């Protein structure tokens, strides 16, 4: 199993701090969201049915022609490699590690690429995978460049797979509107923007023929009735989405400013997280953890990823923790 953010119980056990005393900033999930709608009893008692309006609401929200609900975009990440055989797969890295693991698990040849090396590698690839905005760096690649890559791949039956898990606050960069083109597959996460990671819901946007293959592979009732019911209500709540987007964008800017003012400027990020490179990443993460603040450490990248606090108490705790990291960061400047 690959390591991910959100492993709060493990941190609580390691540091001897009760679960309720932690400030968990280790994920890119919105720390606030909606008052949850009531779930009708029939959603719990009956098998899910696809004529409940969820698919149409999702098509309207994403601006997509065709889509398939899945049990979190992770379900699609693991299933898509099973729809091809012996593929040469390029993945722009560093990025979310589950993609490479899933393609390797099915016997495909995986090559790690920098963004600048894609043009040279593309003629040898069957699949190019891009996380956009990237996790953990926040890097956004413009749609025109992605579409050029898609056109070259699609000419010979290749795929461009775009993981847009963190795209909701910047929909102008999405390729959702183009996702019905053969060879273009867009993955969307529901839980991150809506603050409901535990609901386990995502969507695959693609040509209908590919969605039919994927649906046959995943089997019936891939998404639970309660998840469908809650998601339908939130996907049609345009005013709630507007408020959530505005708050996340404002808090993303606030987090950027706080990190900068505390001597740890971000090198990239999105509305849901900020990414900071520093050779003192490990001791900073350790100090914060001992104070009950969990951040995502990427030791191999000498970097930290910070999610958003949920309230003013959390912001004050983070600020105090960052100020206590100042001597550690200052020691880096003194290192010859």
Protein backbone atom coordinates (compact mmCIF):
# COMPACT_ATOMS: atom_id res chain seq x y z
CA UNK A 1 0.00 0.00 0.00
CA UNK A 2 1.28 3.44 -0.93
CA UNK A 3 1.43 6.13 1.73
CA UNK A 4 -1.19 8.89 1.61
CA UNK A 5 -2.28 11.86 3.65
CA UNK A 6 -5.08 11.52 6.14
CA UNK A 7 -3.56 8.69 8.20
CA UNK A 8 -4.59 10.44 11.39
CA UNK A 9 -5.02 7.37 13.58
CA UNK A 10 -1.48 6.25 12.82
CA UNK A 11 -0.18 9.72 13.73
CA UNK A 12 -2.20 9.77 16.95
CA UNK A 13 -0.74 6.45 17.97
CA UNK A 14 2.81 7.42 17.05
CA UNK A 15 2.83 10.75 18.88
CA UNK A 16 0.50 9.86 21.75
CA UNK A 17 -1.93 12.68 20.94
CA UNK A 18 -5.69 11.91 21.00
CA UNK A 19 -7.48 12.01 17.65
CA UNK A 20 -9.70 14.92 18.63
CA UNK A 21 -6.67 17.09 19.45
CA UNK A 22 -5.17 17.02 15.95
CA UNK A 23 -5.23 19.65 13.24
CA UNK A 24 -5.16 17.51 10.11
CA UNK A 25 -3.76 19.41 7.13
CA UNK A 26 -2.36 16.34 5.40
CA UNK A 27 -4.98 16.02 2.66
CA UNK A 28 -6.26 18.26 -0.12
CA UNK A 29 -9.89 17.75 0.88
CA UNK A 30 -12.00 20.83 1.62
CA UNK A 31 -12.28 21.02 5.43
CA UNK A 32 -15.81 22.43 5.27
CA UNK A 33 -18.79 22.05 3.01
CA UNK A 34 -22.55 21.67 3.08
CA UNK A 35 -25.16 20.85 5.68
CA UNK A 36 -25.88 17.38 4.41
CA UNK A 37 -29.30 16.76 2.89
CA UNK A 38 -31.54 14.09 4.33
CA UNK A 39 -31.15 10.70 2.66
CA UNK A 40 -34.49 9.02 1.94
CA UNK A 41 -35.00 5.61 3.45
CA UNK A 42 -35.39 4.05 0.01
CA UNK A 43 -31.76 4.96 -0.80
CA UNK A 44 -30.65 2.71 2.05
CA UNK A 45 -33.15 -0.07 1.44
CA UNK A 46 -33.12 -0.46 -2.34
CA UNK A 47 -30.41 -1.20 -4.87
CA UNK A 48 -29.23 1.99 -6.63
CA UNK A 49 -30.95 2.90 -9.89
CA UNK A 50 -29.45 5.02 -12.65
CA UNK A 51 -32.60 6.99 -13.50
CA UNK A 52 -32.45 9.12 -10.35
CA UNK A 53 -31.04 12.20 -12.13
CA UNK A 54 -27.45 11.93 -10.85
CA UNK A 55 -25.85 11.45 -14.25
CA UNK A 56 -27.64 14.42 -15.80
CA UNK A 57 -26.82 16.65 -12.83
CA UNK A 58 -23.16 15.64 -13.10
CA UNK A 59 -23.11 16.25 -16.87
CA UNK A 60 -24.49 19.73 -16.26
CA UNK A 61 -22.01 20.47 -13.46
CA UNK A 62 -18.92 19.28 -15.33
CA UNK A 63 -20.05 20.36 -18.80
CA UNK A 64 -19.52 16.84 -20.15
CA UNK A 65 -21.40 14.88 -22.80
CA UNK A 66 -20.87 11.41 -21.33
CA UNK A 67 -19.80 10.27 -17.87
CA UNK A 68 -19.85 7.33 -15.50
CA UNK A 69 -20.14 7.57 -11.70
CA UNK A 70 -17.59 5.42 -9.87
CA UNK A 71 -16.73 4.71 -6.24
CA UNK A 72 -14.18 7.53 -6.04
CA UNK A 73 -11.81 8.40 -8.86
CA UNK A 74 -9.45 5.86 -7.28
CA UNK A 75 -11.72 3.10 -8.60
CA UNK A 76 -11.15 4.37 -12.14
CA UNK A 77 -7.42 4.75 -11.57
CA UNK A 78 -7.21 1.06 -10.73
CA UNK A 79 -9.59 -0.13 -13.44
CA UNK A 80 -8.48 1.80 -16.54
CA UNK A 81 -5.18 -0.10 -16.94
CA UNK A 82 -7.22 -3.30 -17.30
CA UNK A 83 -8.77 -1.98 -20.52
CA UNK A 84 -5.45 -2.03 -22.41
CA UNK A 85 -2.69 -4.60 -22.91
CA UNK A 86 1.08 -4.16 -23.05
CA UNK A 87 0.93 -0.39 -23.20
CA UNK A 88 3.79 2.07 -22.98
CA UNK A 89 2.63 4.63 -20.42
CA UNK A 90 4.20 8.01 -19.73
CA UNK A 91 3.37 9.82 -16.49
CA UNK A 92 4.40 13.40 -15.77
CA UNK A 93 6.04 13.34 -12.35
CA UNK A 94 6.27 13.95 -9.47
CA UNK A 95 2.58 13.25 -9.04
CA UNK A 96 -0.03 11.09 -7.34
CA UNK A 97 1.72 7.74 -7.02
CA UNK A 98 -1.36 5.52 -7.40
CA UNK A 99 -1.40 6.10 -11.16
CA UNK A 100 1.99 4.53 -11.83
CA UNK A 101 1.30 1.73 -9.36
CA UNK A 102 -1.98 0.82 -11.08
CA UNK A 103 -0.48 0.67 -14.58
CA UNK A 104 2.53 -1.34 -13.39
CA UNK A 105 0.25 -3.75 -11.53
CA UNK A 106 -1.37 -4.70 -14.85
CA UNK A 107 1.99 -5.29 -16.56
CA UNK A 108 2.31 -2.06 -18.53
CA UNK A 109 5.62 -0.28 -19.11
CA UNK A 110 5.64 2.97 -17.15
CA UNK A 111 8.04 5.84 -17.82
CA UNK A 112 8.40 8.86 -15.55
CA UNK A 113 8.50 12.07 -17.58
CA UNK A 114 9.13 15.71 -16.95
CA UNK A 115 6.71 18.08 -18.63
CA UNK A 116 9.46 19.27 -20.93
CA UNK A 117 10.27 15.75 -22.15
CA UNK A 118 6.72 14.84 -23.22
CA UNK A 119 7.15 16.07 -26.80
CA UNK A 120 10.13 13.76 -27.41
CA UNK A 121 8.54 10.77 -25.67
CA UNK A 122 5.06 11.03 -27.18
CA UNK A 123 5.74 9.07 -30.40
CA UNK A 124 6.66 6.03 -28.30
CA UNK A 125 3.69 6.23 -25.93
CA UNK A 126 0.31 4.51 -26.00
CA UNK A 127 -0.94 6.39 -22.94
CA UNK A 128 0.04 9.73 -21.41
CA UNK A 129 -1.19 10.45 -17.92
CA UNK A 130 -1.32 13.98 -16.48
CA UNK A 131 -2.64 15.16 -13.12
CA UNK A 132 -3.92 18.69 -13.68
CA UNK A 133 -3.66 20.63 -11.40
CA UNK A 134 -0.83 18.42 -10.31
CA UNK A 135 -0.75 16.79 -6.90
CA UNK A 136 1.38 17.73 -4.99
CA UNK A 137 2.97 20.63 -6.91
CA UNK A 138 -0.21 22.40 -8.08
CA UNK A 139 1.19 22.88 -11.58
CA UNK A 140 -1.50 23.64 -14.20
CA UNK A 141 -0.93 22.82 -17.88
CA UNK A 142 -2.93 24.91 -20.33
CA UNK A 143 -5.76 23.12 -22.21
CA UNK A 144 -4.34 23.90 -25.68
CA UNK A 145 -1.12 22.04 -24.90
CA UNK A 146 -2.99 19.05 -23.52
CA UNK A 147 -5.24 18.92 -26.58
CA UNK A 148 -2.21 18.92 -28.88
CA UNK A 149 -0.84 15.93 -26.98
CA UNK A 150 -4.23 14.24 -27.24
CA UNK A 151 -4.41 14.74 -31.00
CA UNK A 152 -1.06 13.04 -31.54
CA UNK A 153 -1.98 10.09 -29.32
CA UNK A 154 -5.49 9.67 -30.72
CA UNK A 155 -4.22 9.41 -34.29
CA UNK A 156 -2.85 5.97 -33.45
CA UNK A 157 -5.45 4.86 -30.90
CA UNK A 158 -3.64 6.19 -27.84
CA UNK A 159 -5.09 7.72 -24.71
CA UNK A 160 -4.58 10.98 -22.87
CA UNK A 161 -5.76 10.48 -19.28
CA UNK A 162 -6.24 13.70 -17.29
CA UNK A 163 -6.81 13.47 -13.54
CA UNK A 164 -8.66 16.67 -12.64
CA UNK A 165 -9.27 15.85 -8.98
CA UNK A 166 -8.43 19.43 -7.89
CA UNK A 167 -9.98 21.29 -10.84
CA UNK A 168 -13.32 22.48 -9.37
CA UNK A 169 -12.11 25.96 -8.40
CA UNK A 170 -10.51 26.55 -11.83
CA UNK A 171 -13.04 25.04 -14.28
CA UNK A 172 -11.75 27.22 -17.12
CA UNK A 173 -8.71 24.90 -17.31
CA UNK A 174 -10.77 21.70 -17.52
CA UNK A 175 -10.94 19.43 -20.56
CA UNK A 176 -14.37 18.16 -19.52
CA UNK A 177 -16.05 19.79 -22.52
CA UNK A 178 -13.77 17.80 -24.88
CA UNK A 179 -14.04 14.49 -23.08
CA UNK A 180 -16.33 12.86 -25.65
CA UNK A 181 -13.42 12.83 -28.14
CA UNK A 182 -11.99 9.32 -28.63
CA UNK A 183 -8.82 8.78 -26.66
CA UNK A 184 -9.47 11.50 -24.06
CA UNK A 185 -10.34 10.38 -20.53
CA UNK A 186 -10.97 12.89 -17.74
CA UNK A 187 -11.22 11.84 -14.09
CA UNK A 188 -13.06 14.02 -11.59
CA UNK A 189 -13.18 13.65 -7.82
CA UNK A 190 -16.38 14.61 -6.01
CA UNK A 191 -15.11 14.44 -2.43
CA UNK A 192 -12.33 17.03 -2.54
CA UNK A 193 -14.25 20.17 -3.54
CA UNK A 194 -17.46 19.18 -1.78
CA UNK A 195 -15.59 18.13 1.39
CA UNK A 196 -16.99 14.60 1.33
CA UNK A 197 -14.06 12.26 0.73
CA UNK A 198 -15.77 9.57 2.79
CA UNK A 199 -18.68 9.45 0.34
CA UNK A 200 -16.35 7.70 -2.16
CA UNK A 201 -17.65 9.16 -5.40
CA UNK A 202 -15.97 10.23 -8.60
CA UNK A 203 -16.77 10.49 -12.30
CA UNK A 204 -15.09 9.31 -15.49
CA UNK A 205 -15.69 11.59 -18.48
CA UNK A 206 -14.98 9.93 -21.84
CA UNK A 207 -16.45 8.64 -25.10
CA UNK A 208 -19.48 6.44 -24.47
CA UNK A 209 -17.87 3.32 -25.93
CA UNK A 210 -15.03 3.45 -23.40
CA UNK A 211 -17.45 4.16 -20.55
CA UNK A 212 -19.45 1.08 -21.55
CA UNK A 213 -16.29 -1.03 -21.31
CA UNK A 214 -15.42 0.44 -17.95
CA UNK A 215 -18.93 -0.03 -16.59
CA UNK A 216 -18.91 -3.69 -17.65
CA UNK A 217 -15.60 -4.14 -15.84
CA UNK A 218 -16.73 -2.46 -12.62
CA UNK A 219 -20.08 -4.21 -12.52
CA UNK A 220 -23.51 -2.98 -11.40
CA UNK A 221 -24.20 -0.75 -8.38
CA UNK A 222 -20.69 0.70 -8.26
CA UNK A 223 -21.96 3.75 -6.32
CA UNK A 224 -24.23 3.36 -3.30
CA UNK A 225 -27.74 4.73 -3.16
CA UNK A 226 -27.00 7.13 -0.25
CA UNK A 227 -23.94 8.48 -2.11
CA UNK A 228 -26.02 9.07 -5.23
CA UNK A 229 -28.73 10.83 -3.23
CA UNK A 230 -26.37 13.22 -1.43
CA UNK A 231 -24.36 13.97 -4.57
CA UNK A 232 -27.47 14.75 -6.62
CA UNK A 233 -28.59 17.39 -4.14
CA UNK A 234 -25.16 19.06 -4.05
CA UNK A 235 -24.58 18.96 -7.81
CA UNK A 236 -27.72 21.00 -8.46
CA UNK A 237 -26.98 23.51 -5.67
CA UNK A 238 -25.36 26.23 -7.78
CA UNK A 239 -25.45 28.85 -5.03
CA UNK A 240 -23.78 26.50 -2.56
CA UNK A 241 -21.09 25.71 -5.11
CA UNK A 242 -20.46 29.43 -5.65
CA UNK A 243 -20.03 30.03 -1.91
CA UNK A 244 -17.73 27.04 -1.56
CA UNK A 245 -15.58 28.10 -4.50
CA UNK A 246 -15.23 31.66 -3.22
CA UNK A 247 -14.29 30.51 0.27
CA UNK A 248 -11.74 27.98 -0.98
CA UNK A 249 -10.12 30.53 -3.30
CA UNK A 250 -9.88 33.07 -0.47
CA UNK A 251 -8.48 30.53 1.98
CA UNK A 252 -5.99 29.31 -0.61
CA UNK A 253 -4.65 32.86 -0.90
CA UNK A 254 -4.62 33.19 2.89
CA UNK A 255 -2.58 30.00 3.25
CA UNK A 256 -0.11 31.21 0.61
CA UNK A 257 0.37 34.49 2.49
CA UNK A 258 0.72 32.79 5.88
CA UNK A 259 3.40 30.40 4.66
CA UNK A 260 5.31 33.23 3.02
CA UNK A 261 5.12 35.44 6.09
CA UNK A 262 6.39 32.60 8.28
CA UNK A 263 9.45 31.97 6.11
CA UNK A 264 8.15 28.98 4.18
CA UNK A 265 6.98 30.35 0.82
CA UNK A 266 4.99 27.97 -1.35
CA UNK A 267 6.43 26.89 -4.67
CA UNK A 268 3.06 25.88 -6.06
CA UNK A 269 -0.40 24.82 -5.07
CA UNK A 270 -4.13 25.04 -5.68
CA UNK A 271 -7.11 26.41 -3.83
CA UNK A 272 -7.07 23.29 -1.64
CA UNK A 273 -3.38 22.98 -0.75
CA UNK A 274 0.03 24.62 -0.95
CA UNK A 275 3.34 22.92 -1.74
CA UNK A 276 6.60 24.06 -0.13
CA UNK A 277 10.10 22.89 -0.97
CA UNK A 278 12.69 23.06 1.80
CA UNK A 279 15.66 20.97 2.85
CA UNK A 280 14.23 21.19 6.37
CA UNK A 281 10.99 19.44 5.40
CA UNK A 282 11.55 16.44 7.68
CA UNK A 283 12.34 18.34 10.92
CA UNK A 284 9.55 20.85 10.23
CA UNK A 285 7.00 18.06 9.73
CA UNK A 286 8.24 16.40 12.92
CA UNK A 287 7.97 19.59 14.98
CA UNK A 288 4.46 20.27 13.72
CA UNK A 289 3.39 16.69 14.39
CA UNK A 290 4.60 16.87 17.99
CA UNK A 291 2.27 19.83 18.36
CA UNK A 292 -0.65 17.91 16.89
CA UNK A 293 -0.48 19.41 13.39
CA UNK A 294 -0.33 16.81 10.63
CA UNK A 295 0.99 17.90 7.23
CA UNK A 296 1.93 15.80 4.21
CA UNK A 297 5.66 15.12 4.08
CA UNK A 298 7.35 14.21 0.79
CA UNK A 299 10.81 13.41 2.14
CA UNK A 300 12.13 12.30 -1.26
CA UNK A 301 11.19 15.72 -2.69
CA UNK A 302 12.35 17.75 0.35
CA UNK A 303 8.87 19.21 0.50
CA UNK A 304 5.68 19.64 2.50
CA UNK A 305 2.07 19.97 1.43
CA UNK A 306 -0.35 21.98 3.58
CA UNK A 307 -4.11 21.63 3.40
CA UNK A 308 -6.55 24.28 4.63
CA UNK A 309 -7.57 24.77 8.28
CA UNK A 310 -11.31 24.57 8.85
CA UNK A 311 -11.70 27.50 11.25
CA UNK A 312 -9.94 30.39 12.99
CA UNK A 313 -8.70 28.16 15.78
CA UNK A 314 -6.99 26.01 13.17
CA UNK A 315 -5.45 29.02 11.44
CA UNK A 316 -4.02 30.27 14.74
CA UNK A 317 -2.60 26.84 15.57
CA UNK A 318 -0.96 26.60 12.17
CA UNK A 319 0.52 30.09 12.47
CA UNK A 320 1.98 29.29 15.90
CA UNK A 321 3.41 26.01 14.64
CA UNK A 322 5.01 27.69 11.64
CA UNK A 323 6.55 30.37 13.84
CA UNK A 324 8.08 27.63 15.97
CA UNK A 325 9.61 26.19 12.78
CA UNK A 326 11.46 29.48 12.18
CA UNK A 327 14.70 28.42 13.95
CA UNK A 328 14.78 25.21 11.91
CA UNK A 329 14.37 27.18 8.68
CA UNK A 330 16.91 29.77 9.80
CA UNK A 331 19.48 27.03 10.36
CA UNK A 332 19.20 26.22 6.66
CA UNK A 333 20.33 29.74 5.76
CA UNK A 334 23.34 29.37 8.04
CA UNK A 335 24.40 26.07 6.49
CA UNK A 336 27.44 26.64 4.25
